[in-house]
Amino acid sequence: MIAGQDGAPLSVYERRLPPISEVATAVIAIVVTGGIYLAAYLPRRAPLGPAFGLLAVAAVLLAWNIVRLSRVQDFAWDKFFLVGRWALLAYLIIAGMLEYVFVLDHTRGGVLVVLTLTLAIFAVNIPMLLAFSVARYQPAGRLQGPAGEAWVEHPWPLKRQTAPGATPVSSGREPPPPLSQNRT
Protein backbone atom coordinates (compact mmCIF):
# COMPACT_ATOMS: atom_id res chain seq x y z
CA MET A 1 0.00 0.00 0.00
CA ILE A 2 1.40 3.38 -0.92
CA ALA A 3 1.07 6.03 1.79
CA GLY A 4 0.92 9.80 1.54
CA GLN A 5 3.00 12.30 3.52
CA ASP A 6 0.81 11.91 6.61
CA GLY A 7 1.12 8.11 6.53
CA ALA A 8 -2.47 7.55 5.40
CA PRO A 9 -2.91 5.38 2.33
CA LEU A 10 -3.43 7.22 -0.95
CA SER A 11 -6.71 6.78 -2.73
CA VAL A 12 -6.78 5.38 -6.26
CA TYR A 13 -7.26 8.94 -7.51
CA GLU A 14 -4.23 10.38 -5.69
CA ARG A 15 -1.52 7.84 -6.46
CA ARG A 16 1.09 8.60 -9.11
CA LEU A 17 1.35 6.19 -12.02
CA PRO A 18 3.54 6.34 -15.11
CA PRO A 19 1.92 7.93 -18.19
CA ILE A 20 0.76 4.60 -19.63
CA SER A 21 -2.47 5.97 -21.14
CA GLU A 22 -0.76 8.95 -22.73
CA VAL A 23 2.00 6.87 -24.30
CA ALA A 24 -0.50 4.24 -25.49
CA THR A 25 -2.53 7.02 -27.13
CA ALA A 26 0.64 8.28 -28.84
CA VAL A 27 1.28 4.73 -30.11
CA ILE A 28 -2.24 4.62 -31.57
CA ALA A 29 -1.67 7.98 -33.29
CA ILE A 30 1.64 6.80 -34.76
CA VAL A 31 0.16 3.50 -35.98
CA VAL A 32 -2.78 5.31 -37.60
CA THR A 33 -0.41 7.81 -39.20
CA GLY A 34 1.61 4.95 -40.69
CA GLY A 35 -1.54 3.32 -42.02
CA ILE A 36 -2.74 6.56 -43.60
CA TYR A 37 0.70 7.07 -45.13
CA LEU A 38 0.61 3.63 -46.77
CA ALA A 39 -3.01 4.02 -47.88
CA ALA A 40 -2.26 7.38 -49.50
CA TYR A 41 -0.07 5.63 -52.06
CA LEU A 42 -2.55 2.94 -53.07
CA PRO A 43 -2.68 1.42 -55.65
CA ARG A 44 0.95 2.44 -56.24
CA ARG A 45 3.81 1.07 -54.16
CA ALA A 46 4.62 3.30 -51.15
CA PRO A 47 8.18 4.17 -50.12
CA LEU A 48 8.67 2.06 -46.99
CA GLY A 49 11.32 4.13 -45.18
CA PRO A 50 8.89 6.50 -43.41
CA ALA A 51 6.50 3.61 -42.68
CA PHE A 52 9.27 1.54 -41.07
CA GLY A 53 10.39 4.63 -39.14
CA LEU A 54 6.90 5.19 -37.73
CA LEU A 55 6.65 1.48 -36.95
CA ALA A 56 9.97 1.56 -35.07
CA VAL A 57 8.88 4.58 -33.00
CA ALA A 58 5.58 2.88 -32.15
CA ALA A 59 7.38 -0.37 -31.19
CA VAL A 60 9.84 1.47 -28.93
CA LEU A 61 7.04 3.38 -27.19
CA LEU A 62 5.01 0.18 -26.73
CA ALA A 63 8.04 -1.62 -25.26
CA TRP A 64 8.69 1.35 -22.93
CA ASN A 65 5.05 1.25 -21.85
CA ILE A 66 5.18 -2.48 -21.10
CA VAL A 67 8.38 -2.12 -19.07
CA ARG A 68 7.05 0.85 -17.09
CA LEU A 69 3.74 -0.89 -16.43
CA SER A 70 5.46 -4.08 -15.28
CA ARG A 71 7.28 -2.09 -12.57
CA VAL A 72 4.13 -0.60 -11.02
CA GLN A 73 3.60 -1.72 -7.43
CA ASP A 74 0.31 -1.66 -5.52
CA PHE A 75 -1.86 -2.05 -8.61
CA ALA A 76 -5.08 -3.97 -9.29
CA TRP A 77 -3.36 -6.61 -11.42
CA ASP A 78 -6.33 -8.97 -11.09
CA LYS A 79 -8.59 -6.41 -12.79
CA PHE A 80 -5.88 -5.58 -15.34
CA PHE A 81 -5.57 -9.19 -16.46
CA LEU A 82 -9.32 -9.81 -16.29
CA VAL A 83 -9.99 -6.97 -18.73
CA GLY A 84 -6.75 -7.39 -20.67
CA ARG A 85 -7.14 -11.04 -21.63
CA TRP A 86 -10.63 -10.57 -23.05
CA ALA A 87 -9.70 -7.37 -24.86
CA LEU A 88 -6.58 -9.08 -26.22
CA LEU A 89 -8.69 -11.94 -27.53
CA ALA A 90 -11.05 -9.51 -29.26
CA TYR A 91 -8.24 -7.45 -30.79
CA LEU A 92 -6.34 -10.53 -31.94
CA ILE A 93 -9.48 -11.60 -33.80
CA ILE A 94 -9.82 -8.11 -35.32
CA ALA A 95 -6.13 -8.04 -36.31
CA GLY A 96 -6.45 -11.53 -37.78
CA MET A 97 -9.42 -10.48 -39.91
CA LEU A 98 -7.56 -7.40 -41.13
CA GLU A 99 -4.50 -9.50 -41.97
CA TYR A 100 -6.74 -11.87 -43.92
CA VAL A 101 -8.11 -8.90 -45.89
CA PHE A 102 -4.58 -7.70 -46.68
CA VAL A 103 -3.55 -11.14 -47.94
CA LEU A 104 -6.81 -11.58 -49.85
CA ASP A 105 -6.20 -8.18 -51.47
CA HIS A 106 -2.81 -9.47 -52.73
CA THR A 107 -0.73 -7.18 -50.51
CA ARG A 108 2.82 -8.50 -50.74
CA GLY A 109 6.41 -7.83 -49.77
CA GLY A 110 7.50 -4.98 -47.55
CA VAL A 111 4.06 -3.39 -47.38
CA LEU A 112 2.61 -6.61 -45.96
CA VAL A 113 5.44 -6.81 -43.42
CA VAL A 114 4.82 -3.23 -42.26
CA LEU A 115 1.06 -3.77 -42.05
CA THR A 116 1.46 -7.07 -40.18
CA LEU A 117 3.81 -5.54 -37.62
CA THR A 118 1.50 -2.54 -37.29
CA LEU A 119 -1.42 -4.88 -36.59
CA ALA A 120 0.65 -6.70 -33.97
CA ILE A 121 1.34 -3.41 -32.17
CA PHE A 122 -2.34 -2.47 -32.50
CA ALA A 123 -3.44 -5.85 -31.09
CA VAL A 124 -1.26 -5.47 -27.98
CA ASN A 125 -1.45 -1.73 -27.36
CA ILE A 126 -5.21 -1.19 -27.27
CA PRO A 127 -6.01 -4.07 -24.87
CA MET A 128 -3.21 -2.84 -22.60
CA LEU A 129 -4.71 0.67 -22.70
CA LEU A 130 -8.21 -0.63 -21.92
CA ALA A 131 -7.00 -2.87 -19.08
CA PHE A 132 -4.87 -0.11 -17.56
CA SER A 133 -7.73 2.39 -17.81
CA VAL A 134 -9.95 0.06 -15.78
CA ALA A 135 -7.38 -1.19 -13.26
CA ARG A 136 -5.90 2.20 -12.39
CA TYR A 137 -9.11 3.22 -10.59
CA GLN A 138 -9.53 -0.05 -8.70
CA PRO A 139 -8.07 -0.65 -5.26
CA ALA A 140 -5.16 -3.06 -5.28
CA GLY A 141 -5.62 -6.41 -3.65
CA ARG A 142 -8.29 -9.04 -3.52
CA LEU A 143 -11.73 -8.83 -5.03
CA GLN A 144 -14.50 -7.94 -2.59
CA GLY A 145 -18.19 -8.64 -2.59
CA PRO A 146 -21.03 -6.25 -1.66
CA ALA A 147 -20.85 -7.03 2.09
CA GLY A 148 -17.05 -6.69 2.27
CA GLU A 149 -16.38 -10.41 2.13
CA ALA A 150 -13.47 -11.62 0.03
CA TRP A 151 -14.08 -13.20 -3.34
CA VAL A 152 -11.61 -15.84 -4.38
CA GLU A 153 -11.22 -16.79 -8.00
CA HIS A 154 -12.10 -20.42 -8.28
CA PRO A 155 -11.90 -21.13 -11.94
CA TRP A 156 -15.48 -20.00 -12.56
CA PRO A 157 -17.59 -18.43 -11.15
CA LEU A 158 -16.12 -16.42 -8.30
CA LYS A 159 -16.92 -18.06 -4.98
CA ARG A 160 -17.52 -16.19 -1.76
CA GLN A 161 -15.37 -16.78 1.32
CA THR A 162 -15.63 -15.07 4.64
CA ALA A 163 -12.39 -13.80 6.14
CA PRO A 164 -11.12 -15.89 9.09
CA GLY A 165 -12.78 -14.79 12.32
CA ALA A 166 -15.42 -12.68 10.53
CA THR A 167 -19.13 -13.23 10.84
CA PRO A 168 -20.77 -14.11 7.53
CA VAL A 169 -23.11 -11.33 6.43
CA SER A 170 -25.92 -11.89 3.99
CA SER A 171 -25.97 -9.34 1.20
CA GLY A 172 -29.48 -10.32 0.18
CA ARG A 173 -28.11 -11.59 -3.10
CA GLU A 174 -27.26 -15.18 -2.34
CA PRO A 175 -26.22 -17.35 -5.26
CA PRO A 176 -28.74 -19.94 -6.43
CA PRO A 177 -28.39 -23.43 -4.95
CA PRO A 178 -26.30 -25.93 -6.91
CA LEU A 179 -28.18 -27.88 -9.55
CA SER A 180 -27.40 -31.13 -7.75
CA GLN A 181 -29.72 -30.27 -4.84
CA ASN A 182 -33.22 -31.74 -4.98
CA ARG A 183 -35.90 -29.11 -5.32
CA THR A 184 -39.15 -30.40 -3.93
C-alpha atoms as a PDB file:
ATOM      1  CA  MET A   1       0.000   0.000   0.000  1.00  0.00           C
ATOM      2  CA  ILE A   2       1.401   3.384  -0.919  1.00  0.00           C
ATOM      3  CA  ALA A   3       1.075   6.032   1.787  1.00  0.00           C
ATOM      4  CA  GLY A   4       0.922   9.802   1.538  1.00  0.00           C
ATOM      5  CA  GLN A   5       3.000  12.296   3.519  1.00  0.00           C
ATOM      6  CA  ASP A   6       0.815  11.914   6.609  1.00  0.00           C
ATOM      7  CA  GLY A   7       1.123   8.111   6.527  1.00  0.00           C
ATOM      8  CA  ALA A   8      -2.471   7.553   5.403  1.00  0.00           C
ATOM      9  CA  PRO A   9      -2.913   5.376   2.328  1.00  0.00           C
ATOM     10  CA  LEU A  10      -3.432   7.224  -0.947  1.00  0.00           C
ATOM     11  CA  SER A  11      -6.710   6.777  -2.732  1.00  0.00           C
ATOM     12  CA  VAL A  12      -6.777   5.377  -6.260  1.00  0.00           C
ATOM     13  CA  TYR A  13      -7.260   8.942  -7.513  1.00  0.00           C
ATOM     14  CA  GLU A  14      -4.233  10.384  -5.690  1.00  0.00           C
ATOM     15  CA  ARG A  15      -1.515   7.844  -6.462  1.00  0.00           C
ATOM     16  CA  ARG A  16       1.086   8.598  -9.107  1.00  0.00           C
ATOM     17  CA  LEU A  17       1.348   6.190 -12.021  1.00  0.00           C
ATOM     18  CA  PRO A  18       3.540   6.335 -15.105  1.00  0.00           C
ATOM     19  CA  PRO A  19       1.918   7.930 -18.191  1.00  0.00           C
ATOM     20  CA  ILE A  20       0.761   4.604 -19.628  1.00  0.00           C
ATOM     21  CA  SER A  21      -2.469   5.970 -21.138  1.00  0.00           C
ATOM     22  CA  GLU A  22      -0.760   8.953 -22.729  1.00  0.00           C
ATOM     23  CA  VAL A  23       2.004   6.873 -24.300  1.00  0.00           C
ATOM     24  CA  ALA A  24      -0.504   4.240 -25.494  1.00  0.00           C
ATOM     25  CA  THR A  25      -2.526   7.018 -27.135  1.00  0.00           C
ATOM     26  CA  ALA A  26       0.636   8.278 -28.844  1.00  0.00           C
ATOM     27  CA  VAL A  27       1.283   4.733 -30.110  1.00  0.00           C
ATOM     28  CA  ILE A  28      -2.237   4.624 -31.575  1.00  0.00           C
ATOM     29  CA  ALA A  29      -1.670   7.980 -33.294  1.00  0.00           C
ATOM     30  CA  ILE A  30       1.644   6.795 -34.758  1.00  0.00           C
ATOM     31  CA  VAL A  31       0.162   3.502 -35.981  1.00  0.00           C
ATOM     32  CA  VAL A  32      -2.783   5.308 -37.599  1.00  0.00           C
ATOM     33  CA  THR A  33      -0.406   7.806 -39.204  1.00  0.00           C
ATOM     34  CA  GLY A  34       1.610   4.950 -40.693  1.00  0.00           C
ATOM     35  CA  GLY A  35      -1.539   3.316 -42.023  1.00  0.00           C
ATOM     36  CA  ILE A  36      -2.735   6.563 -43.600  1.00  0.00           C
ATOM     37  CA  TYR A  37       0.702   7.074 -45.126  1.00  0.00           C
ATOM     38  CA  LEU A  38       0.608   3.634 -46.775  1.00  0.00           C
ATOM     39  CA  ALA A  39      -3.009   4.023 -47.883  1.00  0.00           C
ATOM     40  CA  ALA A  40      -2.261   7.383 -49.500  1.00  0.00           C
ATOM     41  CA  TYR A  41      -0.066   5.633 -52.064  1.00  0.00           C
ATOM     42  CA  LEU A  42      -2.550   2.936 -53.067  1.00  0.00           C
ATOM     43  CA  PRO A  43      -2.685   1.421 -55.646  1.00  0.00           C
ATOM     44  CA  ARG A  44       0.953   2.441 -56.243  1.00  0.00           C
ATOM     45  CA  ARG A  45       3.808   1.073 -54.156  1.00  0.00           C
ATOM     46  CA  ALA A  46       4.619   3.296 -51.154  1.00  0.00           C
ATOM     47  CA  PRO A  47       8.184   4.174 -50.124  1.00  0.00           C
ATOM     48  CA  LEU A  48       8.667   2.064 -46.990  1.00  0.00           C
ATOM     49  CA  GLY A  49      11.324   4.127 -45.182  1.00  0.00           C
ATOM     50  CA  PRO A  50       8.890   6.498 -43.414  1.00  0.00           C
ATOM     51  CA  ALA A  51       6.499   3.607 -42.682  1.00  0.00           C
ATOM     52  CA  PHE A  52       9.274   1.539 -41.073  1.00  0.00           C
ATOM     53  CA  GLY A  53      10.393   4.633 -39.140  1.00  0.00           C
ATOM     54  CA  LEU A  54       6.903   5.189 -37.730  1.00  0.00           C
ATOM     55  CA  LEU A  55       6.649   1.480 -36.951  1.00  0.00           C
ATOM     56  CA  ALA A  56       9.971   1.565 -35.068  1.00  0.00           C
ATOM     57  CA  VAL A  57       8.881   4.577 -32.998  1.00  0.00           C
ATOM     58  CA  ALA A  58       5.584   2.876 -32.150  1.00  0.00           C
ATOM     59  CA  ALA A  59       7.379  -0.366 -31.186  1.00  0.00           C
ATOM     60  CA  VAL A  60       9.844   1.469 -28.929  1.00  0.00           C
ATOM     61  CA  LEU A  61       7.041   3.378 -27.194  1.00  0.00           C
ATOM     62  CA  LEU A  62       5.014   0.177 -26.733  1.00  0.00           C
ATOM     63  CA  ALA A  63       8.040  -1.621 -25.257  1.00  0.00           C
ATOM     64  CA  TRP A  64       8.689   1.345 -22.933  1.00  0.00           C
ATOM     65  CA  ASN A  65       5.046   1.248 -21.847  1.00  0.00           C
ATOM     66  CA  ILE A  66       5.176  -2.482 -21.100  1.00  0.00           C
ATOM     67  CA  VAL A  67       8.384  -2.122 -19.071  1.00  0.00           C
ATOM     68  CA  ARG A  68       7.055   0.853 -17.086  1.00  0.00           C
ATOM     69  CA  LEU A  69       3.742  -0.886 -16.431  1.00  0.00           C
ATOM     70  CA  SER A  70       5.458  -4.079 -15.278  1.00  0.00           C
ATOM     71  CA  ARG A  71       7.281  -2.090 -12.568  1.00  0.00           C
ATOM     72  CA  VAL A  72       4.131  -0.602 -11.023  1.00  0.00           C
ATOM     73  CA  GLN A  73       3.602  -1.722  -7.431  1.00  0.00           C
ATOM     74  CA  ASP A  74       0.312  -1.657  -5.525  1.00  0.00           C
ATOM     75  CA  PHE A  75      -1.859  -2.053  -8.612  1.00  0.00           C
ATOM     76  CA  ALA A  76      -5.083  -3.972  -9.289  1.00  0.00           C
ATOM     77  CA  TRP A  77      -3.362  -6.608 -11.422  1.00  0.00           C
ATOM     78  CA  ASP A  78      -6.331  -8.970 -11.086  1.00  0.00           C
ATOM     79  CA  LYS A  79      -8.591  -6.414 -12.790  1.00  0.00           C
ATOM     80  CA  PHE A  80      -5.882  -5.577 -15.336  1.00  0.00           C
ATOM     81  CA  PHE A  81      -5.567  -9.189 -16.457  1.00  0.00           C
ATOM     82  CA  LEU A  82      -9.317  -9.812 -16.295  1.00  0.00           C
ATOM     83  CA  VAL A  83      -9.991  -6.965 -18.729  1.00  0.00           C
ATOM     84  CA  GLY A  84      -6.753  -7.393 -20.670  1.00  0.00           C
ATOM     85  CA  ARG A  85      -7.140 -11.037 -21.625  1.00  0.00           C
ATOM     86  CA  TRP A  86     -10.634 -10.570 -23.053  1.00  0.00           C
ATOM     87  CA  ALA A  87      -9.699  -7.370 -24.858  1.00  0.00           C
ATOM     88  CA  LEU A  88      -6.580  -9.077 -26.223  1.00  0.00           C
ATOM     89  CA  LEU A  89      -8.689 -11.944 -27.528  1.00  0.00           C
ATOM     90  CA  ALA A  90     -11.046  -9.509 -29.255  1.00  0.00           C
ATOM     91  CA  TYR A  91      -8.242  -7.448 -30.790  1.00  0.00           C
ATOM     92  CA  LEU A  92      -6.340 -10.533 -31.937  1.00  0.00           C
ATOM     93  CA  ILE A  93      -9.477 -11.597 -33.798  1.00  0.00           C
ATOM     94  CA  ILE A  94      -9.819  -8.114 -35.317  1.00  0.00           C
ATOM     95  CA  ALA A  95      -6.134  -8.042 -36.305  1.00  0.00           C
ATOM     96  CA  GLY A  96      -6.449 -11.528 -37.785  1.00  0.00           C
ATOM     97  CA  MET A  97      -9.416 -10.483 -39.906  1.00  0.00           C
ATOM     98  CA  LEU A  98      -7.561  -7.395 -41.128  1.00  0.00           C
ATOM     99  CA  GLU A  99      -4.497  -9.502 -41.969  1.00  0.00           C
ATOM    100  CA  TYR A 100      -6.741 -11.869 -43.922  1.00  0.00           C
ATOM    101  CA  VAL A 101      -8.111  -8.903 -45.888  1.00  0.00           C
ATOM    102  CA  PHE A 102      -4.579  -7.702 -46.682  1.00  0.00           C
ATOM    103  CA  VAL A 103      -3.551 -11.136 -47.941  1.00  0.00           C
ATOM    104  CA  LEU A 104      -6.813 -11.575 -49.854  1.00  0.00           C
ATOM    105  CA  ASP A 105      -6.202  -8.181 -51.472  1.00  0.00           C
ATOM    106  CA  HIS A 106      -2.810  -9.469 -52.730  1.00  0.00           C
ATOM    107  CA  THR A 107      -0.730  -7.183 -50.514  1.00  0.00           C
ATOM    108  CA  ARG A 108       2.823  -8.496 -50.745  1.00  0.00           C
ATOM    109  CA  GLY A 109       6.410  -7.829 -49.767  1.00  0.00           C
ATOM    110  CA  GLY A 110       7.500  -4.975 -47.551  1.00  0.00           C
ATOM    111  CA  VAL A 111       4.059  -3.394 -47.383  1.00  0.00           C
ATOM    112  CA  LEU A 112       2.610  -6.615 -45.959  1.00  0.00           C
ATOM    113  CA  VAL A 113       5.438  -6.812 -43.416  1.00  0.00           C
ATOM    114  CA  VAL A 114       4.824  -3.231 -42.260  1.00  0.00           C
ATOM    115  CA  LEU A 115       1.065  -3.774 -42.053  1.00  0.00           C
ATOM    116  CA  THR A 116       1.461  -7.069 -40.185  1.00  0.00           C
ATOM    117  CA  LEU A 117       3.808  -5.545 -37.622  1.00  0.00           C
ATOM    118  CA  THR A 118       1.504  -2.538 -37.295  1.00  0.00           C
ATOM    119  CA  LEU A 119      -1.420  -4.882 -36.593  1.00  0.00           C
ATOM    120  CA  ALA A 120       0.655  -6.697 -33.968  1.00  0.00           C
ATOM    121  CA  ILE A 121       1.343  -3.408 -32.173  1.00  0.00           C
ATOM    122  CA  PHE A 122      -2.336  -2.468 -32.496  1.00  0.00           C
ATOM    123  CA  ALA A 123      -3.440  -5.847 -31.086  1.00  0.00           C
ATOM    124  CA  VAL A 124      -1.259  -5.474 -27.977  1.00  0.00           C
ATOM    125  CA  ASN A 125      -1.451  -1.727 -27.360  1.00  0.00           C
ATOM    126  CA  ILE A 126      -5.209  -1.190 -27.273  1.00  0.00           C
ATOM    127  CA  PRO A 127      -6.011  -4.071 -24.867  1.00  0.00           C
ATOM    128  CA  MET A 128      -3.213  -2.836 -22.605  1.00  0.00           C
ATOM    129  CA  LEU A 129      -4.711   0.674 -22.697  1.00  0.00           C
ATOM    130  CA  LEU A 130      -8.205  -0.625 -21.919  1.00  0.00           C
ATOM    131  CA  ALA A 131      -6.999  -2.867 -19.081  1.00  0.00           C
ATOM    132  CA  PHE A 132      -4.874  -0.108 -17.555  1.00  0.00           C
ATOM    133  CA  SER A 133      -7.730   2.389 -17.808  1.00  0.00           C
ATOM    134  CA  VAL A 134      -9.954   0.062 -15.779  1.00  0.00           C
ATOM    135  CA  ALA A 135      -7.382  -1.191 -13.261  1.00  0.00           C
ATOM    136  CA  ARG A 136      -5.896   2.199 -12.390  1.00  0.00           C
ATOM    137  CA  TYR A 137      -9.112   3.221 -10.587  1.00  0.00           C
ATOM    138  CA  GLN A 138      -9.531  -0.046  -8.700  1.00  0.00           C
ATOM    139  CA  PRO A 139      -8.069  -0.652  -5.263  1.00  0.00           C
ATOM    140  CA  ALA A 140      -5.155  -3.057  -5.276  1.00  0.00           C
ATOM    141  CA  GLY A 141      -5.621  -6.408  -3.648  1.00  0.00           C
ATOM    142  CA  ARG A 142      -8.292  -9.039  -3.521  1.00  0.00           C
ATOM    143  CA  LEU A 143     -11.725  -8.830  -5.028  1.00  0.00           C
ATOM    144  CA  GLN A 144     -14.503  -7.939  -2.592  1.00  0.00           C
ATOM    145  CA  GLY A 145     -18.189  -8.640  -2.587  1.00  0.00           C
ATOM    146  CA  PRO A 146     -21.035  -6.252  -1.659  1.00  0.00           C
ATOM    147  CA  ALA A 147     -20.846  -7.028   2.093  1.00  0.00           C
ATOM    148  CA  GLY A 148     -17.049  -6.692   2.274  1.00  0.00           C
ATOM    149  CA  GLU A 149     -16.382 -10.412   2.128  1.00  0.00           C
ATOM    150  CA  ALA A 150     -13.472 -11.618   0.030  1.00  0.00           C
ATOM    151  CA  TRP A 151     -14.085 -13.196  -3.342  1.00  0.00           C
ATOM    152  CA  VAL A 152     -11.614 -15.836  -4.376  1.00  0.00           C
ATOM    153  CA  GLU A 153     -11.216 -16.789  -7.999  1.00  0.00           C
ATOM    154  CA  HIS A 154     -12.096 -20.424  -8.282  1.00  0.00           C
ATOM    155  CA  PRO A 155     -11.899 -21.132 -11.939  1.00  0.00           C
ATOM    156  CA  TRP A 156     -15.475 -20.002 -12.563  1.00  0.00           C
ATOM    157  CA  PRO A 157     -17.588 -18.428 -11.152  1.00  0.00           C
ATOM    158  CA  LEU A 158     -16.120 -16.415  -8.295  1.00  0.00           C
ATOM    159  CA  LYS A 159     -16.918 -18.056  -4.981  1.00  0.00           C
ATOM    160  CA  ARG A 160     -17.521 -16.195  -1.763  1.00  0.00           C
ATOM    161  CA  GLN A 161     -15.372 -16.782   1.317  1.00  0.00           C
ATOM    162  CA  THR A 162     -15.628 -15.073   4.645  1.00  0.00           C
ATOM    163  CA  ALA A 163     -12.391 -13.799   6.136  1.00  0.00           C
ATOM    164  CA  PRO A 164     -11.123 -15.892   9.089  1.00  0.00           C
ATOM    165  CA  GLY A 165     -12.785 -14.794  12.317  1.00  0.00           C
ATOM    166  CA  ALA A 166     -15.418 -12.679  10.526  1.00  0.00           C
ATOM    167  CA  THR A 167     -19.135 -13.232  10.840  1.00  0.00           C
ATOM    168  CA  PRO A 168     -20.775 -14.108   7.525  1.00  0.00           C
ATOM    169  CA  VAL A 169     -23.108 -11.334   6.431  1.00  0.00           C
ATOM    170  CA  SER A 170     -25.924 -11.887   3.990  1.00  0.00           C
ATOM    171  CA  SER A 171     -25.971  -9.338   1.199  1.00  0.00           C
ATOM    172  CA  GLY A 172     -29.475 -10.317   0.182  1.00  0.00           C
ATOM    173  CA  ARG A 173     -28.109 -11.594  -3.099  1.00  0.00           C
ATOM    174  CA  GLU A 174     -27.263 -15.179  -2.340  1.00  0.00           C
ATOM    175  CA  PRO A 175     -26.224 -17.355  -5.257  1.00  0.00           C
ATOM    176  CA  PRO A 176     -28.735 -19.942  -6.430  1.00  0.00           C
ATOM    177  CA  PRO A 177     -28.393 -23.433  -4.948  1.00  0.00           C
ATOM    178  CA  PRO A 178     -26.302 -25.930  -6.907  1.00  0.00           C
ATOM    179  CA  LEU A 179     -28.178 -27.876  -9.549  1.00  0.00           C
ATOM    180  CA  SER A 180     -27.400 -31.126  -7.754  1.00  0.00           C
ATOM    181  CA  GLN A 181     -29.723 -30.273  -4.838  1.00  0.00           C
ATOM    182  CA  ASN A 182     -33.224 -31.743  -4.978  1.00  0.00           C
ATOM    183  CA  ARG A 183     -35.899 -29.106  -5.319  1.00  0.00           C
ATOM    184  CA  THR A 184     -39.146 -30.398  -3.926  1.00  0.00           C
END
